[in-house]
Amino acid sequence: MHKIESFALSSGSKISKPFINELYFPLVEEKYICISKSSKFPSEHYDFFDDVAFHINPYLEKNNIKLIQIGAASDLPIYYTKNFNFLNNNQAAYVIKNSLMYVGNLNIYSNIASMFNKKM
């Protein structure tokens, strides 16, 4: 028996699927990919997001897909992206849920994308 099952049994409650609160954030783009270079530890940091964005940008422009950067305000901007590093986690959840996919380091945004079954 898992710990959560034990707690539910002793308190008389039911286990339900977890959820993430979303907060609407207006975006002009219809099709976009979320990208984030935020990472908690230096070992999880990827230094080549600018190169990745440079190489996929021609394909994305041809298909009218934009790149939106989310993350911490202290993150350096990635070339060819629109910078939305000022979003709180609930707004970022809304943006990720409505995106085509998520690209980034292992952080809270990768967990949010996983919750919404986004391609990563």
PDB file of N, CA and C in Angstrom:
ATOM      1  N   MET A   1       0.852  -1.179   0.000  1.00  0.00           N
ATOM      2  CA  MET A   1       0.000   0.000   0.000  1.00  0.00           C
ATOM      3  C   MET A   1       0.901   1.246   0.000  1.00  0.00           C
ATOM      4  N   HIS A   2       0.584   2.183  -0.894  1.00  0.00           N
ATOM      5  CA  HIS A   2       1.316   3.437  -0.946  1.00  0.00           C
ATOM      6  C   HIS A   2       0.933   4.327   0.228  1.00  0.00           C
ATOM      7  N   LYS A   3       1.802   5.274   0.505  1.00  0.00           N
ATOM      8  CA  LYS A   3       1.571   6.185   1.619  1.00  0.00           C
ATOM      9  C   LYS A   3       0.280   6.988   1.416  1.00  0.00           C
ATOM     10  N   ILE A   4       0.031   7.445   0.198  1.00  0.00           N
ATOM     11  CA  ILE A   4      -1.177   8.230  -0.081  1.00  0.00           C
ATOM     12  C   ILE A   4      -2.433   7.386   0.111  1.00  0.00           C
ATOM     13  N   GLU A   5      -2.359   6.092  -0.261  1.00  0.00           N
ATOM     14  CA  GLU A   5      -3.495   5.201  -0.052  1.00  0.00           C
ATOM     15  C   GLU A   5      -3.758   4.994   1.434  1.00  0.00           C
ATOM     16  N   SER A   6      -2.693   4.904   2.210  1.00  0.00           N
ATOM     17  CA  SER A   6      -2.836   4.760   3.654  1.00  0.00           C
ATOM     18  C   SER A   6      -3.483   6.000   4.275  1.00  0.00           C
ATOM     19  N   PHE A   7      -3.057   7.184   3.848  1.00  0.00           N
ATOM     20  CA  PHE A   7      -3.650   8.427   4.348  1.00  0.00           C
ATOM     21  C   PHE A   7      -5.122   8.515   3.974  1.00  0.00           C
ATOM     22  N   ALA A   8      -5.436   8.153   2.729  1.00  0.00           N
ATOM     23  CA  ALA A   8      -6.824   8.223   2.272  1.00  0.00           C
ATOM     24  C   ALA A   8      -7.701   7.246   3.054  1.00  0.00           C
ATOM     25  N   LEU A   9      -7.196   6.063   3.309  1.00  0.00           N
ATOM     26  CA  LEU A   9      -7.956   5.062   4.040  1.00  0.00           C
ATOM     27  C   LEU A   9      -8.227   5.511   5.484  1.00  0.00           C
ATOM     28  N   SER A  10      -7.217   6.083   6.125  1.00  0.00           N
ATOM     29  CA  SER A  10      -7.385   6.487   7.524  1.00  0.00           C
ATOM     30  C   SER A  10      -8.221   7.750   7.669  1.00  0.00           C
ATOM     31  N   SER A  11      -8.241   8.608   6.638  1.00  0.00           N
ATOM     32  CA  SER A  11      -9.025   9.849   6.744  1.00  0.00           C
ATOM     33  C   SER A  11     -10.401   9.737   6.105  1.00  0.00           C
ATOM     34  N   GLY A  12     -10.656   8.643   5.396  1.00  0.00           N
ATOM     35  CA  GLY A  12     -11.958   8.460   4.763  1.00  0.00           C
ATOM     36  C   GLY A  12     -12.143   9.289   3.503  1.00  0.00           C
ATOM     37  N   SER A  13     -11.044   9.718   2.879  1.00  0.00           N
ATOM     38  CA  SER A  13     -11.149  10.509   1.652  1.00  0.00           C
ATOM     39  C   SER A  13     -10.833   9.631   0.437  1.00  0.00           C
ATOM     40  N   LYS A  14     -11.086  10.179  -0.746  1.00  0.00           N
ATOM     41  CA  LYS A  14     -10.834   9.458  -1.985  1.00  0.00           C
ATOM     42  C   LYS A  14      -9.656  10.085  -2.707  1.00  0.00           C
ATOM     43  N   ILE A  15      -8.900   9.254  -3.394  1.00  0.00           N
ATOM     44  CA  ILE A  15      -7.761   9.728  -4.187  1.00  0.00           C
ATOM     45  C   ILE A  15      -8.273  10.105  -5.561  1.00  0.00           C
ATOM     46  N   SER A  16      -7.928  11.302  -5.996  1.00  0.00           N
ATOM     47  CA  SER A  16      -8.326  11.741  -7.331  1.00  0.00           C
ATOM     48  C   SER A  16      -7.082  12.143  -8.112  1.00  0.00           C
ATOM     49  N   LYS A  17      -7.285  12.385  -9.378  1.00  0.00           N
ATOM     50  CA  LYS A  17      -6.178  12.789 -10.229  1.00  0.00           C
ATOM     51  C   LYS A  17      -5.717  14.192  -9.807  1.00  0.00           C
ATOM     52  N   PRO A  18      -4.408  14.417  -9.713  1.00  0.00           N
ATOM     53  CA  PRO A  18      -3.932  15.756  -9.358  1.00  0.00           C
ATOM     54  C   PRO A  18      -4.254  16.754 -10.463  1.00  0.00           C
ATOM     55  N   PHE A  19      -4.317  18.017 -10.108  1.00  0.00           N
ATOM     56  CA  PHE A  19      -4.612  19.052 -11.089  1.00  0.00           C
ATOM     57  C   PHE A  19      -3.690  20.239 -10.864  1.00  0.00           C
ATOM     58  N   ILE A  20      -3.581  21.066 -11.866  1.00  0.00           N
ATOM     59  CA  ILE A  20      -2.775  22.274 -11.808  1.00  0.00           C
ATOM     60  C   ILE A  20      -3.694  23.458 -12.077  1.00  0.00           C
ATOM     61  N   ASN A  21      -3.649  24.437 -11.216  1.00  0.00           N
ATOM     62  CA  ASN A  21      -4.433  25.653 -11.441  1.00  0.00           C
ATOM     63  C   ASN A  21      -3.808  26.456 -12.573  1.00  0.00           C
ATOM     64  N   GLU A  22      -4.644  26.874 -13.496  1.00  0.00           N
ATOM     65  CA  GLU A  22      -4.180  27.683 -14.621  1.00  0.00           C
ATOM     66  C   GLU A  22      -4.759  29.077 -14.479  1.00  0.00           C
ATOM     67  N   LEU A  23      -4.030  30.047 -14.974  1.00  0.00           N
ATOM     68  CA  LEU A  23      -4.496  31.422 -14.991  1.00  0.00           C
ATOM     69  C   LEU A  23      -4.370  31.934 -16.414  1.00  0.00           C
ATOM     70  N   TYR A  24      -5.464  32.394 -16.969  1.00  0.00           N
ATOM     71  CA  TYR A  24      -5.494  32.844 -18.363  1.00  0.00           C
ATOM     72  C   TYR A  24      -4.435  33.918 -18.607  1.00  0.00           C
ATOM     73  N   PHE A  25      -3.736  33.794 -19.724  1.00  0.00           N
ATOM     74  CA  PHE A  25      -2.800  34.822 -20.164  1.00  0.00           C
ATOM     75  C   PHE A  25      -3.014  35.009 -21.660  1.00  0.00           C
ATOM     76  N   PRO A  26      -3.330  36.231 -22.092  1.00  0.00           N
ATOM     77  CA  PRO A  26      -3.630  36.442 -23.518  1.00  0.00           C
ATOM     78  C   PRO A  26      -2.375  36.352 -24.385  1.00  0.00           C
ATOM     79  N   LEU A  27      -2.467  35.554 -25.441  1.00  0.00           N
ATOM     80  CA  LEU A  27      -1.384  35.414 -26.408  1.00  0.00           C
ATOM     81  C   LEU A  27      -1.930  35.650 -27.806  1.00  0.00           C
ATOM     82  N   VAL A  28      -1.140  36.278 -28.642  1.00  0.00           N
ATOM     83  CA  VAL A  28      -1.544  36.550 -30.017  1.00  0.00           C
ATOM     84  C   VAL A  28      -1.302  35.321 -30.894  1.00  0.00           C
ATOM     85  N   GLU A  29      -0.284  34.554 -30.563  1.00  0.00           N
ATOM     86  CA  GLU A  29       0.107  33.413 -31.376  1.00  0.00           C
ATOM     87  C   GLU A  29      -0.892  32.275 -31.258  1.00  0.00           C
ATOM     88  N   GLU A  30      -1.211  31.672 -32.398  1.00  0.00           N
ATOM     89  CA  GLU A  30      -2.073  30.491 -32.391  1.00  0.00           C
ATOM     90  C   GLU A  30      -1.265  29.221 -32.188  1.00  0.00           C
ATOM     91  N   LYS A  31      -0.151  29.115 -32.911  1.00  0.00           N
ATOM     92  CA  LYS A  31       0.699  27.933 -32.816  1.00  0.00           C
ATOM     93  C   LYS A  31       2.056  28.371 -32.278  1.00  0.00           C
ATOM     94  N   TYR A  32       2.462  27.733 -31.183  1.00  0.00           N
ATOM     95  CA  TYR A  32       3.744  28.088 -30.593  1.00  0.00           C
ATOM     96  C   TYR A  32       4.311  26.914 -29.802  1.00  0.00           C
ATOM     97  N   ILE A  33       5.613  26.997 -29.588  1.00  0.00           N
ATOM     98  CA  ILE A  33       6.345  26.016 -28.790  1.00  0.00           C
ATOM     99  C   ILE A  33       6.936  26.756 -27.597  1.00  0.00           C
ATOM    100  N   CYS A  34       6.784  26.199 -26.411  1.00  0.00           N
ATOM    101  CA  CYS A  34       7.370  26.780 -25.208  1.00  0.00           C
ATOM    102  C   CYS A  34       8.792  26.266 -25.046  1.00  0.00           C
ATOM    103  N   ILE A  35       9.689  27.165 -24.695  1.00  0.00           N
ATOM    104  CA  ILE A  35      11.079  26.800 -24.477  1.00  0.00           C
ATOM    105  C   ILE A  35      11.547  27.472 -23.193  1.00  0.00           C
ATOM    106  N   SER A  36      12.324  26.750 -22.395  1.00  0.00           N
ATOM    107  CA  SER A  36      12.803  27.292 -21.122  1.00  0.00           C
ATOM    108  C   SER A  36      14.215  26.819 -20.858  1.00  0.00           C
ATOM    109  N   LYS A  37      15.081  27.759 -20.474  1.00  0.00           N
ATOM    110  CA  LYS A  37      16.449  27.394 -20.129  1.00  0.00           C
ATOM    111  C   LYS A  37      16.689  27.441 -18.627  1.00  0.00           C
ATOM    112  N   SER A  38      15.620  27.614 -17.839  1.00  0.00           N
ATOM    113  CA  SER A  38      15.752  27.635 -16.385  1.00  0.00           C
ATOM    114  C   SER A  38      16.166  26.263 -15.870  1.00  0.00           C
ATOM    115  N   SER A  39      17.057  26.270 -14.900  1.00  0.00           N
ATOM    116  CA  SER A  39      17.441  25.032 -14.233  1.00  0.00           C
ATOM    117  C   SER A  39      17.902  25.358 -12.821  1.00  0.00           C
ATOM    118  N   LYS A  40      17.635  24.445 -11.940  1.00  0.00           N
ATOM    119  CA  LYS A  40      17.977  24.660 -10.532  1.00  0.00           C
ATOM    120  C   LYS A  40      19.456  24.398 -10.270  1.00  0.00           C
ATOM    121  N   PHE A  41      20.013  23.423 -10.953  1.00  0.00           N
ATOM    122  CA  PHE A  41      21.392  23.013 -10.714  1.00  0.00           C
ATOM    123  C   PHE A  41      22.220  23.191 -11.989  1.00  0.00           C
ATOM    124  N   PRO A  42      23.490  23.555 -11.856  1.00  0.00           N
ATOM    125  CA  PRO A  42      24.347  23.710 -13.045  1.00  0.00           C
ATOM    126  C   PRO A  42      24.476  22.429 -13.867  1.00  0.00           C
ATOM    127  N   SER A  43      24.374  21.274 -13.235  1.00  0.00           N
ATOM    128  CA  SER A  43      24.498  20.014 -13.969  1.00  0.00           C
ATOM    129  C   SER A  43      23.308  19.757 -14.885  1.00  0.00           C
ATOM    130  N   GLU A  44      22.190  20.446 -14.650  1.00  0.00           N
ATOM    131  CA  GLU A  44      21.001  20.280 -15.482  1.00  0.00           C
ATOM    132  C   GLU A  44      20.878  21.387 -16.522  1.00  0.00           C
ATOM    133  N   HIS A  45      21.896  22.216 -16.653  1.00  0.00           N
ATOM    134  CA  HIS A  45      21.849  23.369 -17.555  1.00  0.00           C
ATOM    135  C   HIS A  45      22.314  22.966 -18.958  1.00  0.00           C
ATOM    136  N   TYR A  46      21.576  23.395 -19.978  1.00  0.00           N
ATOM    137  CA  TYR A  46      21.925  23.138 -21.372  1.00  0.00           C
ATOM    138  C   TYR A  46      22.295  24.475 -22.008  1.00  0.00           C
ATOM    139  N   ASP A  47      23.487  24.576 -22.583  1.00  0.00           N
ATOM    140  CA  ASP A  47      24.018  25.854 -23.057  1.00  0.00           C
ATOM    141  C   ASP A  47      23.707  26.172 -24.513  1.00  0.00           C
ATOM    142  N   PHE A  48      23.061  25.291 -25.249  1.00  0.00           N
ATOM    143  CA  PHE A  48      22.947  25.467 -26.692  1.00  0.00           C
ATOM    144  C   PHE A  48      21.531  25.716 -27.194  1.00  0.00           C
ATOM    145  N   PHE A  49      20.675  26.318 -26.371  1.00  0.00           N
ATOM    146  CA  PHE A  49      19.321  26.632 -26.828  1.00  0.00           C
ATOM    147  C   PHE A  49      19.327  27.639 -27.974  1.00  0.00           C
ATOM    148  N   ASP A  50      20.297  28.563 -27.977  1.00  0.00           N
ATOM    149  CA  ASP A  50      20.389  29.522 -29.082  1.00  0.00           C
ATOM    150  C   ASP A  50      20.659  28.806 -30.400  1.00  0.00           C
ATOM    151  N   ASP A  51      21.541  27.811 -30.374  1.00  0.00           N
ATOM    152  CA  ASP A  51      21.840  27.045 -31.582  1.00  0.00           C
ATOM    153  C   ASP A  51      20.634  26.233 -32.044  1.00  0.00           C
ATOM    154  N   VAL A  52      19.936  25.633 -31.096  1.00  0.00           N
ATOM    155  CA  VAL A  52      18.738  24.859 -31.430  1.00  0.00           C
ATOM    156  C   VAL A  52      17.701  25.769 -32.089  1.00  0.00           C
ATOM    157  N   ALA A  53      17.472  26.936 -31.492  1.00  0.00           N
ATOM    158  CA  ALA A  53      16.489  27.873 -32.043  1.00  0.00           C
ATOM    159  C   ALA A  53      16.913  28.348 -33.434  1.00  0.00           C
ATOM    160  N   PHE A  54      18.208  28.571 -33.634  1.00  0.00           N
ATOM    161  CA  PHE A  54      18.707  29.009 -34.932  1.00  0.00           C
ATOM    162  C   PHE A  54      18.434  27.958 -36.009  1.00  0.00           C
ATOM    163  N   HIS A  55      18.655  26.696 -35.694  1.00  0.00           N
ATOM    164  CA  HIS A  55      18.519  25.638 -36.701  1.00  0.00           C
ATOM    165  C   HIS A  55      17.069  25.249 -36.993  1.00  0.00           C
ATOM    166  N   ILE A  56      16.185  25.384 -36.033  1.00  0.00           N
ATOM    167  CA  ILE A  56      14.789  25.011 -36.288  1.00  0.00           C
ATOM    168  C   ILE A  56      13.939  26.192 -36.732  1.00  0.00           C
ATOM    169  N   ASN A  57      14.474  27.407 -36.628  1.00  0.00           N
ATOM    170  CA  ASN A  57      13.684  28.594 -36.959  1.00  0.00           C
ATOM    171  C   ASN A  57      13.173  28.617 -38.403  1.00  0.00           C
ATOM    172  N   PRO A  58      13.952  28.249 -39.433  1.00  0.00           N
ATOM    173  CA  PRO A  58      13.403  28.252 -40.800  1.00  0.00           C
ATOM    174  C   PRO A  58      12.185  27.346 -40.959  1.00  0.00           C
ATOM    175  N   TYR A  59      12.238  26.158 -40.371  1.00  0.00           N
ATOM    176  CA  TYR A  59      11.095  25.242 -40.428  1.00  0.00           C
ATOM    177  C   TYR A  59       9.884  25.842 -39.709  1.00  0.00           C
ATOM    178  N   LEU A  60      10.121  26.434 -38.546  1.00  0.00           N
ATOM    179  CA  LEU A  60       9.021  27.008 -37.772  1.00  0.00           C
ATOM    180  C   LEU A  60       8.384  28.183 -38.494  1.00  0.00           C
ATOM    181  N   GLU A  61       9.207  29.039 -39.109  1.00  0.00           N
ATOM    182  CA  GLU A  61       8.654  30.182 -39.853  1.00  0.00           C
ATOM    183  C   GLU A  61       7.814  29.721 -41.035  1.00  0.00           C
ATOM    184  N   LYS A  62       8.267  28.656 -41.701  1.00  0.00           N
ATOM    185  CA  LYS A  62       7.525  28.131 -42.847  1.00  0.00           C
ATOM    186  C   LYS A  62       6.148  27.628 -42.428  1.00  0.00           C
ATOM    187  N   ASN A  63       6.043  27.108 -41.220  1.00  0.00           N
ATOM    188  CA  ASN A  63       4.784  26.566 -40.717  1.00  0.00           C
ATOM    189  C   ASN A  63       4.058  27.507 -39.767  1.00  0.00           C
ATOM    190  N   ASN A  64       4.516  28.753 -39.706  1.00  0.00           N
ATOM    191  CA  ASN A  64       3.886  29.787 -38.877  1.00  0.00           C
ATOM    192  C   ASN A  64       3.793  29.369 -37.395  1.00  0.00           C
ATOM    193  N   ILE A  65       4.899  28.838 -36.881  1.00  0.00           N
ATOM    194  CA  ILE A  65       4.995  28.441 -35.478  1.00  0.00           C
ATOM    195  C   ILE A  65       5.997  29.361 -34.797  1.00  0.00           C
ATOM    196  N   LYS A  66       5.646  29.877 -33.643  1.00  0.00           N
ATOM    197  CA  LYS A  66       6.503  30.797 -32.896  1.00  0.00           C
ATOM    198  C   LYS A  66       7.151  30.070 -31.730  1.00  0.00           C
ATOM    199  N   LEU A  67       8.260  30.612 -31.257  1.00  0.00           N
ATOM    200  CA  LEU A  67       8.925  30.126 -30.052  1.00  0.00           C
ATOM    201  C   LEU A  67       8.671  31.119 -28.930  1.00  0.00           C
ATOM    202  N   ILE A  68       8.198  30.627 -27.792  1.00  0.00           N
ATOM    203  CA  ILE A  68       7.934  31.465 -26.630  1.00  0.00           C
ATOM    204  C   ILE A  68       8.816  30.972 -25.489  1.00  0.00           C
ATOM    205  N   GLN A  69       9.625  31.886 -24.949  1.00  0.00           N
ATOM    206  CA  GLN A  69      10.490  31.530 -23.836  1.00  0.00           C
ATOM    207  C   GLN A  69       9.796  31.838 -22.521  1.00  0.00           C
ATOM    208  N   ILE A  70       9.750  30.840 -21.649  1.00  0.00           N
ATOM    209  CA  ILE A  70       9.221  31.032 -20.304  1.00  0.00           C
ATOM    210  C   ILE A  70      10.333  30.664 -19.324  1.00  0.00           C
ATOM    211  N   GLY A  71      10.220  31.147 -18.104  1.00  0.00           N
ATOM    212  CA  GLY A  71      11.230  30.820 -17.115  1.00  0.00           C
ATOM    213  C   GLY A  71      11.423  31.929 -16.111  1.00  0.00           C
ATOM    214  N   ALA A  72      12.576  31.922 -15.479  1.00  0.00           N
ATOM    215  CA  ALA A  72      12.903  32.910 -14.457  1.00  0.00           C
ATOM    216  C   ALA A  72      13.261  34.240 -15.113  1.00  0.00           C
ATOM    217  N   ALA A  73      12.999  35.313 -14.394  1.00  0.00           N
ATOM    218  CA  ALA A  73      13.298  36.648 -14.922  1.00  0.00           C
ATOM    219  C   ALA A  73      14.796  36.839 -15.136  1.00  0.00           C
ATOM    220  N   SER A  74      15.612  36.084 -14.430  1.00  0.00           N
ATOM    221  CA  SER A  74      17.063  36.217 -14.550  1.00  0.00           C
ATOM    222  C   SER A  74      17.647  35.447 -15.731  1.00  0.00           C
ATOM    223  N   ASP A  75      16.836  34.642 -16.415  1.00  0.00           N
ATOM    224  CA  ASP A  75      17.324  33.881 -17.566  1.00  0.00           C
ATOM    225  C   ASP A  75      17.665  34.811 -18.715  1.00  0.00           C
ATOM    226  N   LEU A  76      18.767  34.525 -19.385  1.00  0.00           N
ATOM    227  CA  LEU A  76      19.129  35.294 -20.574  1.00  0.00           C
ATOM    228  C   LEU A  76      18.174  34.934 -21.706  1.00  0.00           C
ATOM    229  N   PRO A  77      17.839  35.906 -22.551  1.00  0.00           N
ATOM    230  CA  PRO A  77      16.915  35.600 -23.653  1.00  0.00           C
ATOM    231  C   PRO A  77      17.548  34.660 -24.681  1.00  0.00           C
ATOM    232  N   ILE A  78      16.700  33.858 -25.301  1.00  0.00           N
ATOM    233  CA  ILE A  78      17.111  32.955 -26.369  1.00  0.00           C
ATOM    234  C   ILE A  78      16.767  33.635 -27.686  1.00  0.00           C
ATOM    235  N   TYR A  79      17.688  33.586 -28.636  1.00  0.00           N
ATOM    236  CA  TYR A  79      17.444  34.193 -29.943  1.00  0.00           C
ATOM    237  C   TYR A  79      16.226  33.562 -30.617  1.00  0.00           C
ATOM    238  N   TYR A  80      15.511  34.340 -31.402  1.00  0.00           N
ATOM    239  CA  TYR A  80      14.334  33.923 -32.175  1.00  0.00           C
ATOM    240  C   TYR A  80      13.127  33.582 -31.298  1.00  0.00           C
ATOM    241  N   THR A  81      13.148  33.978 -30.044  1.00  0.00           N
ATOM    242  CA  THR A  81      12.009  33.690 -29.167  1.00  0.00           C
ATOM    243  C   THR A  81      11.365  34.983 -28.700  1.00  0.00           C
ATOM    244  N   LYS A  82      10.098  34.881 -28.322  1.00  0.00           N
ATOM    245  CA  LYS A  82       9.423  35.962 -27.618  1.00  0.00           C
ATOM    246  C   LYS A  82       9.594  35.691 -26.138  1.00  0.00           C
ATOM    247  N   ASN A  83      10.052  36.679 -25.404  1.00  0.00           N
ATOM    248  CA  ASN A  83      10.403  36.492 -24.011  1.00  0.00           C
ATOM    249  C   ASN A  83       9.192  36.710 -23.108  1.00  0.00           C
ATOM    250  N   PHE A  84       8.782  35.659 -22.410  1.00  0.00           N
ATOM    251  CA  PHE A  84       7.697  35.717 -21.434  1.00  0.00           C
ATOM    252  C   PHE A  84       8.207  35.222 -20.076  1.00  0.00           C
ATOM    253  N   ASN A  85       9.390  35.689 -19.689  1.00  0.00           N
ATOM    254  CA  ASN A  85       9.986  35.256 -18.431  1.00  0.00           C
ATOM    255  C   ASN A  85       9.341  35.905 -17.209  1.00  0.00           C
ATOM    256  N   PHE A  86       8.338  36.696 -17.402  1.00  0.00           N
ATOM    257  CA  PHE A  86       7.677  37.383 -16.294  1.00  0.00           C
ATOM    258  C   PHE A  86       6.418  36.665 -15.816  1.00  0.00           C
ATOM    259  N   LEU A  87       6.078  35.538 -16.411  1.00  0.00           N
ATOM    260  CA  LEU A  87       4.850  34.823 -16.052  1.00  0.00           C
ATOM    261  C   LEU A  87       4.992  34.132 -14.703  1.00  0.00           C
ATOM    262  N   ASN A  88       3.892  34.088 -13.951  1.00  0.00           N
ATOM    263  CA  ASN A  88       3.915  33.261 -12.742  1.00  0.00           C
ATOM    264  C   ASN A  88       3.615  31.815 -13.149  1.00  0.00           C
ATOM    265  N   ASN A  89       3.705  30.884 -12.216  1.00  0.00           N
ATOM    266  CA  ASN A  89       3.558  29.461 -12.555  1.00  0.00           C
ATOM    267  C   ASN A  89       2.173  29.113 -13.082  1.00  0.00           C
ATOM    268  N   ASN A  90       1.125  29.771 -12.593  1.00  0.00           N
ATOM    269  CA  ASN A  90      -0.228  29.492 -13.080  1.00  0.00           C
ATOM    270  C   ASN A  90      -0.417  29.992 -14.502  1.00  0.00           C
ATOM    271  N   GLN A  91       0.131  31.155 -14.819  1.00  0.00           N
ATOM    272  CA  GLN A  91       0.069  31.651 -16.195  1.00  0.00           C
ATOM    273  C   GLN A  91       0.907  30.771 -17.109  1.00  0.00           C
ATOM    274  N   ALA A  92       2.070  30.344 -16.632  1.00  0.00           N
ATOM    275  CA  ALA A  92       2.917  29.458 -17.434  1.00  0.00           C
ATOM    276  C   ALA A  92       2.214  28.137 -17.697  1.00  0.00           C
ATOM    277  N   ALA A  93       1.448  27.640 -16.728  1.00  0.00           N
ATOM    278  CA  ALA A  93       0.687  26.403 -16.932  1.00  0.00           C
ATOM    279  C   ALA A  93      -0.330  26.586 -18.059  1.00  0.00           C
ATOM    280  N   TYR A  94      -1.001  27.730 -18.108  1.00  0.00           N
ATOM    281  CA  TYR A  94      -1.964  27.998 -19.181  1.00  0.00           C
ATOM    282  C   TYR A  94      -1.256  28.051 -20.531  1.00  0.00           C
ATOM    283  N   VAL A  95      -0.115  28.720 -20.578  1.00  0.00           N
ATOM    284  CA  VAL A  95       0.635  28.860 -21.830  1.00  0.00           C
ATOM    285  C   VAL A  95       1.143  27.498 -22.303  1.00  0.00           C
ATOM    286  N   ILE A  96       1.662  26.692 -21.387  1.00  0.00           N
ATOM    287  CA  ILE A  96       2.164  25.366 -21.752  1.00  0.00           C
ATOM    288  C   ILE A  96       1.024  24.467 -22.220  1.00  0.00           C
ATOM    289  N   LYS A  97      -0.115  24.521 -21.539  1.00  0.00           N
ATOM    290  CA  LYS A  97      -1.254  23.671 -21.907  1.00  0.00           C
ATOM    291  C   LYS A  97      -1.712  23.932 -23.336  1.00  0.00           C
ATOM    292  N   ASN A  98      -1.643  25.181 -23.780  1.00  0.00           N
ATOM    293  CA  ASN A  98      -2.114  25.541 -25.113  1.00  0.00           C
ATOM    294  C   ASN A  98      -1.010  25.539 -26.165  1.00  0.00           C
ATOM    295  N   SER A  99       0.183  25.091 -25.815  1.00  0.00           N
ATOM    296  CA  SER A  99       1.287  25.061 -26.765  1.00  0.00           C
ATOM    297  C   SER A  99       1.305  23.741 -27.533  1.00  0.00           C
ATOM    298  N   LEU A 100       2.128  23.694 -28.565  1.00  0.00           N
ATOM    299  CA  LEU A 100       2.290  22.468 -29.339  1.00  0.00           C
ATOM    300  C   LEU A 100       3.206  21.485 -28.627  1.00  0.00           C
ATOM    301  N   MET A 101       4.238  22.008 -27.956  1.00  0.00           N
ATOM    302  CA  MET A 101       5.173  21.165 -27.238  1.00  0.00           C
ATOM    303  C   MET A 101       6.004  22.012 -26.286  1.00  0.00           C
ATOM    304  N   TYR A 102       6.789  21.346 -25.452  1.00  0.00           N
ATOM    305  CA  TYR A 102       7.684  22.027 -24.515  1.00  0.00           C
ATOM    306  C   TYR A 102       9.100  21.539 -24.748  1.00  0.00           C
ATOM    307  N   VAL A 103      10.045  22.482 -24.774  1.00  0.00           N
ATOM    308  CA  VAL A 103      11.464  22.155 -24.898  1.00  0.00           C
ATOM    309  C   VAL A 103      12.179  22.846 -23.748  1.00  0.00           C
ATOM    310  N   GLY A 104      12.953  22.098 -22.982  1.00  0.00           N
ATOM    311  CA  GLY A 104      13.673  22.747 -21.898  1.00  0.00           C
ATOM    312  C   GLY A 104      14.319  21.784 -20.938  1.00  0.00           C
ATOM    313  N   ASN A 105      14.959  22.386 -19.947  1.00  0.00           N
ATOM    314  CA  ASN A 105      15.630  21.626 -18.899  1.00  0.00           C
ATOM    315  C   ASN A 105      14.608  21.000 -17.968  1.00  0.00           C
ATOM    316  N   LEU A 106      15.104  20.140 -17.095  1.00  0.00           N
ATOM    317  CA  LEU A 106      14.256  19.535 -16.076  1.00  0.00           C
ATOM    318  C   LEU A 106      13.960  20.599 -15.019  1.00  0.00           C
ATOM    319  N   ASN A 107      12.727  21.076 -15.004  1.00  0.00           N
ATOM    320  CA  ASN A 107      12.306  22.097 -14.050  1.00  0.00           C
ATOM    321  C   ASN A 107      10.799  21.988 -13.855  1.00  0.00           C
ATOM    322  N   ILE A 108      10.215  22.950 -13.190  1.00  0.00           N
ATOM    323  CA  ILE A 108       8.771  22.895 -12.929  1.00  0.00           C
ATOM    324  C   ILE A 108       7.975  22.880 -14.231  1.00  0.00           C
ATOM    325  N   TYR A 109       8.479  23.558 -15.251  1.00  0.00           N
ATOM    326  CA  TYR A 109       7.752  23.618 -16.518  1.00  0.00           C
ATOM    327  C   TYR A 109       7.729  22.254 -17.213  1.00  0.00           C
ATOM    328  N   SER A 110       8.773  21.469 -17.067  1.00  0.00           N
ATOM    329  CA  SER A 110       8.751  20.119 -17.646  1.00  0.00           C
ATOM    330  C   SER A 110       7.738  19.245 -16.922  1.00  0.00           C
ATOM    331  N   ASN A 111       7.576  19.453 -15.620  1.00  0.00           N
ATOM    332  CA  ASN A 111       6.559  18.709 -14.876  1.00  0.00           C
ATOM    333  C   ASN A 111       5.150  19.136 -15.288  1.00  0.00           C
ATOM    334  N   ILE A 112       4.954  20.428 -15.515  1.00  0.00           N
ATOM    335  CA  ILE A 112       3.648  20.918 -15.972  1.00  0.00           C
ATOM    336  C   ILE A 112       3.336  20.352 -17.353  1.00  0.00           C
ATOM    337  N   ALA A 113       4.308  20.375 -18.250  1.00  0.00           N
ATOM    338  CA  ALA A 113       4.108  19.829 -19.592  1.00  0.00           C
ATOM    339  C   ALA A 113       3.785  18.343 -19.544  1.00  0.00           C
ATOM    340  N   SER A 114       4.434  17.632 -18.657  1.00  0.00           N
ATOM    341  CA  SER A 114       4.156  16.210 -18.492  1.00  0.00           C
ATOM    342  C   SER A 114       2.732  15.979 -17.998  1.00  0.00           C
ATOM    343  N   MET A 115       2.294  16.827 -17.083  1.00  0.00           N
ATOM    344  CA  MET A 115       0.915  16.706 -16.559  1.00  0.00           C
ATOM    345  C   MET A 115      -0.121  16.876 -17.671  1.00  0.00           C
ATOM    346  N   PHE A 116       0.159  17.778 -18.617  1.00  0.00           N
ATOM    347  CA  PHE A 116      -0.769  18.031 -19.729  1.00  0.00           C
ATOM    348  C   PHE A 116      -0.492  17.142 -20.944  1.00  0.00           C
ATOM    349  N   ASN A 117       0.388  16.148 -20.790  1.00  0.00           N
ATOM    350  CA  ASN A 117       0.747  15.215 -21.868  1.00  0.00           C
ATOM    351  C   ASN A 117       1.230  15.922 -23.121  1.00  0.00           C
ATOM    352  N   LYS A 118       2.055  16.934 -22.938  1.00  0.00           N
ATOM    353  CA  LYS A 118       2.641  17.647 -24.068  1.00  0.00           C
ATOM    354  C   LYS A 118       3.881  16.916 -24.562  1.00  0.00           C
ATOM    355  N   LYS A 119       4.144  17.022 -25.842  1.00  0.00           N
ATOM    356  CA  LYS A 119       5.380  16.472 -26.386  1.00  0.00           C
ATOM    357  C   LYS A 119       6.538  17.267 -25.800  1.00  0.00           C
ATOM    358  N   MET A 120       7.609  16.553 -25.481  1.00  0.00           N
ATOM    359  CA  MET A 120       8.753  17.220 -24.865  1.00  0.00           C
ATOM    360  C   MET A 120      10.038  16.775 -25.546  1.00  0.00           C
TER     361      MET A 120
END
